[in-house]
C-alpha atoms as a PDB file:
ATOM      1  CA  UNK A   1     116.823  94.953 -13.766  1.00  0.00           C
ATOM      2  CA  UNK A   2     115.662  95.773 -17.196  1.00  0.00           C
ATOM      3  CA  UNK A   3     112.570  97.351 -18.596  1.00  0.00           C
ATOM      4  CA  UNK A   4     111.669  96.669 -22.035  1.00  0.00           C
ATOM      5  CA  UNK A   5     108.686  97.764 -23.767  1.00  0.00           C
ATOM      6  CA  UNK A   6     107.631  96.459 -27.109  1.00  0.00           C
ATOM      7  CA  UNK A   7     104.619  98.113 -29.086  1.00  0.00           C
ATOM      8  CA  UNK A   8     103.016  96.752 -32.171  1.00  0.00           C
ATOM      9  CA  UNK A   9     104.601  98.506 -35.075  1.00  0.00           C
ATOM     10  CA  UNK A  10     103.327  97.113 -38.317  1.00  0.00           C
ATOM     11  CA  UNK A  11      99.818  96.694 -39.906  1.00  0.00           C
ATOM     12  CA  UNK A  12     100.173  92.778 -40.159  1.00  0.00           C
ATOM     13  CA  UNK A  13     101.028  92.382 -36.421  1.00  0.00           C
ATOM     14  CA  UNK A  14      97.571  92.910 -35.026  1.00  0.00           C
ATOM     15  CA  UNK A  15      94.720  90.740 -36.435  1.00  0.00           C
ATOM     16  CA  UNK A  16      91.094  89.891 -35.807  1.00  0.00           C
ATOM     17  CA  UNK A  17      89.761  86.579 -36.400  1.00  0.00           C
ATOM     18  CA  UNK A  18      85.909  85.752 -36.682  1.00  0.00           C
ATOM     19  CA  UNK A  19      84.720  82.376 -37.339  1.00  0.00           C
ATOM     20  CA  UNK A  20      87.754  81.337 -38.785  1.00  0.00           C
ATOM     21  CA  UNK A  21      88.220  84.287 -40.993  1.00  0.00           C
ATOM     22  CA  UNK A  22      91.127  86.563 -40.270  1.00  0.00           C
ATOM     23  CA  UNK A  23      91.548  90.425 -41.107  1.00  0.00           C
ATOM     24  CA  UNK A  24      95.196  92.089 -41.008  1.00  0.00           C
ATOM     25  CA  UNK A  25      94.124  95.489 -41.927  1.00  0.00           C
ATOM     26  CA  UNK A  26      91.801  97.243 -39.588  1.00  0.00           C
ATOM     27  CA  UNK A  27      91.934 100.325 -37.448  1.00  0.00           C
ATOM     28  CA  UNK A  28      90.201  98.696 -34.423  1.00  0.00           C
ATOM     29  CA  UNK A  29      89.648  95.229 -33.493  1.00  0.00           C
ATOM     30  CA  UNK A  30      86.189  94.339 -31.755  1.00  0.00           C
ATOM     31  CA  UNK A  31      85.203  90.771 -29.833  1.00  0.00           C
ATOM     32  CA  UNK A  32      81.855  90.015 -28.918  1.00  0.00           C
ATOM     33  CA  UNK A  33      81.273  86.779 -27.716  1.00  0.00           C
ATOM     34  CA  UNK A  34      83.398  83.364 -28.245  1.00  0.00           C
ATOM     35  CA  UNK A  35      84.018  83.006 -31.834  1.00  0.00           C
ATOM     36  CA  UNK A  36      86.301  86.372 -32.306  1.00  0.00           C
ATOM     37  CA  UNK A  37      89.762  86.434 -31.518  1.00  0.00           C
ATOM     38  CA  UNK A  38      92.249  89.458 -31.545  1.00  0.00           C
ATOM     39  CA  UNK A  39      95.988  88.759 -31.701  1.00  0.00           C
ATOM     40  CA  UNK A  40      99.086  91.063 -31.037  1.00  0.00           C
ATOM     41  CA  UNK A  41     102.505  90.044 -32.282  1.00  0.00           C
ATOM     42  CA  UNK A  42     105.886  91.956 -31.159  1.00  0.00           C
ATOM     43  CA  UNK A  43     108.481  90.455 -33.790  1.00  0.00           C
ATOM     44  CA  UNK A  44     111.697  91.158 -31.407  1.00  0.00           C
ATOM     45  CA  UNK A  45     111.418  90.518 -28.000  1.00  0.00           C
ATOM     46  CA  UNK A  46     115.200  91.159 -26.561  1.00  0.00           C
ATOM     47  CA  UNK A  47     114.895  89.237 -23.664  1.00  0.00           C
ATOM     48  CA  UNK A  48     117.399  86.330 -23.032  1.00  0.00           C
ATOM     49  CA  UNK A  49     116.767  82.813 -22.641  1.00  0.00           C
ATOM     50  CA  UNK A  50     115.849  81.643 -19.175  1.00  0.00           C
ATOM     51  CA  UNK A  51     115.832  85.229 -17.973  1.00  0.00           C
ATOM     52  CA  UNK A  52     113.897  86.059 -14.527  1.00  0.00           C
ATOM     53  CA  UNK A  53     110.807  87.833 -15.487  1.00  0.00           C
ATOM     54  CA  UNK A  54     109.839  90.087 -12.540  1.00  0.00           C
ATOM     55  CA  UNK A  55     106.983  91.143 -14.270  1.00  0.00           C
ATOM     56  CA  UNK A  56     105.324  91.244 -17.653  1.00  0.00           C
ATOM     57  CA  UNK A  57     102.256  93.558 -18.741  1.00  0.00           C
ATOM     58  CA  UNK A  58     100.088  93.261 -21.707  1.00  0.00           C
ATOM     59  CA  UNK A  59      98.647  96.509 -22.153  1.00  0.00           C
ATOM     60  CA  UNK A  60      95.987  97.306 -24.971  1.00  0.00           C
ATOM     61  CA  UNK A  61      94.110 100.287 -25.424  1.00  0.00           C
ATOM     62  CA  UNK A  62      90.241 100.384 -25.365  1.00  0.00           C
ATOM     63  CA  UNK A  63      88.787 102.786 -28.088  1.00  0.00           C
ATOM     64  CA  UNK A  64      85.737 103.933 -26.228  1.00  0.00           C
ATOM     65  CA  UNK A  65      83.171 103.594 -23.637  1.00  0.00           C
ATOM     66  CA  UNK A  66      80.658 102.244 -26.007  1.00  0.00           C
ATOM     67  CA  UNK A  67      82.808  98.696 -25.986  1.00  0.00           C
ATOM     68  CA  UNK A  68      84.516  98.593 -22.891  1.00  0.00           C
ATOM     69  CA  UNK A  69      83.252  95.078 -21.327  1.00  0.00           C
ATOM     70  CA  UNK A  70      85.854  92.258 -21.042  1.00  0.00           C
ATOM     71  CA  UNK A  71      83.532  90.399 -18.729  1.00  0.00           C
ATOM     72  CA  UNK A  72      86.236  87.629 -18.346  1.00  0.00           C
ATOM     73  CA  UNK A  73      87.688  87.504 -21.904  1.00  0.00           C
ATOM     74  CA  UNK A  74      90.776  85.278 -21.900  1.00  0.00           C
ATOM     75  CA  UNK A  75      94.428  86.370 -22.334  1.00  0.00           C
ATOM     76  CA  UNK A  76      96.977  84.297 -23.403  1.00  0.00           C
ATOM     77  CA  UNK A  77     100.713  84.291 -24.984  1.00  0.00           C
ATOM     78  CA  UNK A  78     101.245  81.761 -27.823  1.00  0.00           C
ATOM     79  CA  UNK A  79     103.389  78.776 -26.183  1.00  0.00           C
ATOM     80  CA  UNK A  80     106.071  78.597 -29.048  1.00  0.00           C
ATOM     81  CA  UNK A  81     109.828  79.595 -29.228  1.00  0.00           C
ATOM     82  CA  UNK A  82     109.538  82.157 -32.053  1.00  0.00           C
ATOM     83  CA  UNK A  83     105.848  83.319 -33.003  1.00  0.00           C
ATOM     84  CA  UNK A  84     104.987  83.261 -36.730  1.00  0.00           C
ATOM     85  CA  UNK A  85     103.772  86.069 -38.378  1.00  0.00           C
ATOM     86  CA  UNK A  86      99.638  86.510 -38.601  1.00  0.00           C
ATOM     87  CA  UNK A  87      98.417  85.401 -42.173  1.00  0.00           C
ATOM     88  CA  UNK A  88      94.762  85.164 -43.482  1.00  0.00           C
ATOM     89  CA  UNK A  89      94.701  81.718 -43.457  1.00  0.00           C
ATOM     90  CA  UNK A  90      91.840  79.914 -41.829  1.00  0.00           C
ATOM     91  CA  UNK A  91      91.709  79.831 -38.097  1.00  0.00           C
ATOM     92  CA  UNK A  92      95.376  81.370 -38.023  1.00  0.00           C
ATOM     93  CA  UNK A  93      94.696  82.894 -34.548  1.00  0.00           C
ATOM     94  CA  UNK A  94      92.564  80.187 -32.878  1.00  0.00           C
ATOM     95  CA  UNK A  95      94.647  77.599 -34.247  1.00  0.00           C
ATOM     96  CA  UNK A  96      97.732  78.595 -32.294  1.00  0.00           C
ATOM     97  CA  UNK A  97      98.872  76.823 -28.746  1.00  0.00           C
ATOM     98  CA  UNK A  98      97.452  78.842 -25.981  1.00  0.00           C
ATOM     99  CA  UNK A  99      97.692  76.337 -22.992  1.00  0.00           C
ATOM    100  CA  UNK A 100      96.965  78.821 -19.788  1.00  0.00           C
ATOM    101  CA  UNK A 101      95.397  81.953 -19.920  1.00  0.00           C
ATOM    102  CA  UNK A 102      94.169  84.857 -17.562  1.00  0.00           C
ATOM    103  CA  UNK A 103      90.954  86.437 -17.328  1.00  0.00           C
ATOM    104  CA  UNK A 104      90.287  90.075 -17.891  1.00  0.00           C
ATOM    105  CA  UNK A 105      87.344  90.866 -15.739  1.00  0.00           C
ATOM    106  CA  UNK A 106      85.199  93.835 -15.377  1.00  0.00           C
ATOM    107  CA  UNK A 107      82.276  95.727 -17.112  1.00  0.00           C
ATOM    108  CA  UNK A 108      82.115  99.128 -18.155  1.00  0.00           C
ATOM    109  CA  UNK A 109      85.968  99.914 -17.410  1.00  0.00           C
ATOM    110  CA  UNK A 110      86.481 102.826 -19.476  1.00  0.00           C
ATOM    111  CA  UNK A 111      88.848 103.745 -22.550  1.00  0.00           C
ATOM    112  CA  UNK A 112      92.651 104.120 -22.640  1.00  0.00           C
ATOM    113  CA  UNK A 113      95.074 101.973 -21.431  1.00  0.00           C
ATOM    114  CA  UNK A 114      94.736  98.701 -19.184  1.00  0.00           C
ATOM    115  CA  UNK A 115      97.060  96.506 -17.883  1.00  0.00           C
ATOM    116  CA  UNK A 116      96.876  92.787 -17.836  1.00  0.00           C
ATOM    117  CA  UNK A 117      99.290  90.513 -16.025  1.00  0.00           C
ATOM    118  CA  UNK A 118     101.150  88.108 -18.248  1.00  0.00           C
ATOM    119  CA  UNK A 119     104.299  87.424 -16.239  1.00  0.00           C
ATOM    120  CA  UNK A 120     103.756  83.593 -15.777  1.00  0.00           C
ATOM    121  CA  UNK A 121     103.183  83.320 -19.713  1.00  0.00           C
ATOM    122  CA  UNK A 122     106.239  85.312 -20.479  1.00  0.00           C
ATOM    123  CA  UNK A 123     108.499  83.273 -17.983  1.00  0.00           C
ATOM    124  CA  UNK A 124     107.488  80.175 -19.512  1.00  0.00           C
ATOM    125  CA  UNK A 125     108.197  81.152 -22.995  1.00  0.00           C
ATOM    126  CA  UNK A 126     111.543  82.470 -22.368  1.00  0.00           C
ATOM    127  CA  UNK A 127     112.489  79.005 -20.500  1.00  0.00           C
ATOM    128  CA  UNK A 128     111.693  77.297 -23.651  1.00  0.00           C
ATOM    129  CA  UNK A 129     114.944  75.623 -24.822  1.00  0.00           C
ATOM    130  CA  UNK A 130     114.498  77.183 -28.322  1.00  0.00           C
ATOM    131  CA  UNK A 131     113.989  80.586 -27.083  1.00  0.00           C
ATOM    132  CA  UNK A 132     116.525  83.352 -28.015  1.00  0.00           C
ATOM    133  CA  UNK A 133     116.570  86.970 -27.470  1.00  0.00           C
ATOM    134  CA  UNK A 134     115.045  88.765 -30.363  1.00  0.00           C
ATOM    135  CA  UNK A 135     112.452  86.026 -31.105  1.00  0.00           C
ATOM    136  CA  UNK A 136     108.816  87.067 -31.273  1.00  0.00           C
ATOM    137  CA  UNK A 137     105.983  86.725 -28.976  1.00  0.00           C
ATOM    138  CA  UNK A 138     102.203  86.775 -29.900  1.00  0.00           C
ATOM    139  CA  UNK A 139      99.395  87.338 -27.265  1.00  0.00           C
ATOM    140  CA  UNK A 140      95.829  86.504 -28.180  1.00  0.00           C
ATOM    141  CA  UNK A 141      92.568  87.670 -26.610  1.00  0.00           C
ATOM    142  CA  UNK A 142      89.318  85.491 -26.994  1.00  0.00           C
ATOM    143  CA  UNK A 143      85.896  86.868 -26.153  1.00  0.00           C
ATOM    144  CA  UNK A 144      83.541  84.972 -24.020  1.00  0.00           C
ATOM    145  CA  UNK A 145      79.737  85.162 -23.457  1.00  0.00           C
ATOM    146  CA  UNK A 146      78.822  88.942 -22.348  1.00  0.00           C
ATOM    147  CA  UNK A 147      82.430  90.467 -23.891  1.00  0.00           C
ATOM    148  CA  UNK A 148      82.029  93.615 -25.633  1.00  0.00           C
ATOM    149  CA  UNK A 149      85.499  94.947 -26.210  1.00  0.00           C
ATOM    150  CA  UNK A 150      86.924  97.329 -29.162  1.00  0.00           C
ATOM    151  CA  UNK A 151      90.616  97.681 -28.880  1.00  0.00           C
ATOM    152  CA  UNK A 152      93.018 100.052 -30.879  1.00  0.00           C
ATOM    153  CA  UNK A 153      95.033  98.590 -33.640  1.00  0.00           C
ATOM    154  CA  UNK A 154      98.259  99.699 -35.336  1.00  0.00           C
ATOM    155  CA  UNK A 155      95.982 101.019 -38.317  1.00  0.00           C
ATOM    156  CA  UNK A 156      94.056 103.046 -36.503  1.00  0.00           C
ATOM    157  CA  UNK A 157      96.457 105.031 -34.111  1.00  0.00           C
ATOM    158  CA  UNK A 158      99.737 103.544 -34.486  1.00  0.00           C
ATOM    159  CA  UNK A 159     101.025 105.480 -31.024  1.00  0.00           C
ATOM    160  CA  UNK A 160      98.310 103.650 -29.323  1.00  0.00           C
ATOM    161  CA  UNK A 161      99.086 100.245 -30.576  1.00  0.00           C
ATOM    162  CA  UNK A 162      99.131  97.163 -27.872  1.00  0.00           C
ATOM    163  CA  UNK A 163     102.542  97.108 -26.037  1.00  0.00           C
ATOM    164  CA  UNK A 164     104.143  94.098 -24.157  1.00  0.00           C
ATOM    165  CA  UNK A 165     106.006  95.498 -21.256  1.00  0.00           C
ATOM    166  CA  UNK A 166     108.673  93.155 -19.224  1.00  0.00           C
ATOM    167  CA  UNK A 167     110.890  93.997 -16.243  1.00  0.00           C
ATOM    168  CA  UNK A 168     113.493  91.108 -16.248  1.00  0.00           C
ATOM    169  CA  UNK A 169     116.848  90.301 -14.900  1.00  0.00           C
ATOM    170  CA  UNK A 170     119.261  88.481 -17.307  1.00  0.00           C
ATOM    171  CA  UNK A 171     121.143  85.115 -16.168  1.00  0.00           C
ATOM    172  CA  UNK A 172     123.967  85.991 -14.143  1.00  0.00           C
ATOM    173  CA  UNK A 173     122.467  89.277 -12.696  1.00  0.00           C
ATOM    174  CA  UNK A 174     123.565  91.266 -15.656  1.00  0.00           C
ATOM    175  CA  UNK A 175     121.025  94.057 -16.236  1.00  0.00           C
ATOM    176  CA  UNK A 176     120.775  96.716 -19.053  1.00  0.00           C
ATOM    177  CA  UNK A 177     118.115  99.473 -19.593  1.00  0.00           C
ATOM    178  CA  UNK A 178     117.055 100.259 -23.261  1.00  0.00           C
ATOM    179  CA  UNK A 179     116.066 104.024 -23.421  1.00  0.00           C
ATOM    180  CA  UNK A 180     113.845 104.954 -26.394  1.00  0.00           C
ATOM    181  CA  UNK A 181     115.984 108.243 -27.222  1.00  0.00           C
ATOM    182  CA  UNK A 182     118.790 105.857 -28.560  1.00  0.00           C
ATOM    183  CA  UNK A 183     120.868 105.694 -25.757  1.00  0.00           C
ATOM    184  CA  UNK A 184     121.928 102.551 -24.161  1.00  0.00           C
ATOM    185  CA  UNK A 185     123.014 102.353 -20.571  1.00  0.00           C
ATOM    186  CA  UNK A 186     124.594  99.111 -19.537  1.00  0.00           C
ATOM    187  CA  UNK A 187     125.765  98.042 -16.090  1.00  0.00           C
ATOM    188  CA  UNK A 188     127.280  94.811 -14.638  1.00  0.00           C
ATOM    189  CA  UNK A 189     127.554  93.762 -10.925  1.00  0.00           C
ATOM    190  CA  UNK A 190     126.003  97.017  -9.648  1.00  0.00           C
ATOM    191  CA  UNK A 191     128.602  99.340 -11.374  1.00  0.00           C
ATOM    192  CA  UNK A 192     127.513 101.645 -14.199  1.00  0.00           C
ATOM    193  CA  UNK A 193     129.207 101.044 -17.781  1.00  0.00           C
ATOM    194  CA  UNK A 194     129.805 102.951 -20.780  1.00  0.00           C
ATOM    195  CA  UNK A 195     127.001 105.131 -22.548  1.00  0.00           C
ATOM    196  CA  UNK A 196     126.597 104.305 -26.233  1.00  0.00           C
ATOM    197  CA  UNK A 197     124.975 106.401 -28.469  1.00  0.00           C
ATOM    198  CA  UNK A 198     122.975 104.205 -30.925  1.00  0.00           C
END
């Protein structure tokens, strides 16, 4: 199996939309009610077409206990081969296809990292005929009545920007683990292959 951790790494890869108006440069994103959307984009998700998704987690970080109530906010990945970059165009977040979502439940859940299971949605995307390794994925969070959430954006604290964590197995059982130190360990058929310094 492979574990890939993808983190928002650019100012324009997280965004907030309120009543159709999109903002790309902000240190944090707050959603209160159903007219506010938050978007997160990972431009190079290195998971192969039709890979088996063992688990996939969307991991945002809540700024503080002052705004830490999801209360059923909906979380969903855009259903597309290769998610386009965010723009300031009207309804650039809410106008994207998000056919199935999961509810982020709870109130006063605390600051810091929180995990939302998006396994089924990532599997749906990599099963698309047009998906190839290195394409982009987008996750969209929409508030509902009673939602009061403030999440860390890249412009606020880059090291705490939202993550997409995917544990997967490539077609044919080949597995590789990418280590952030710059060393790639490759194994095939259960045997450890060559260690390559990147």
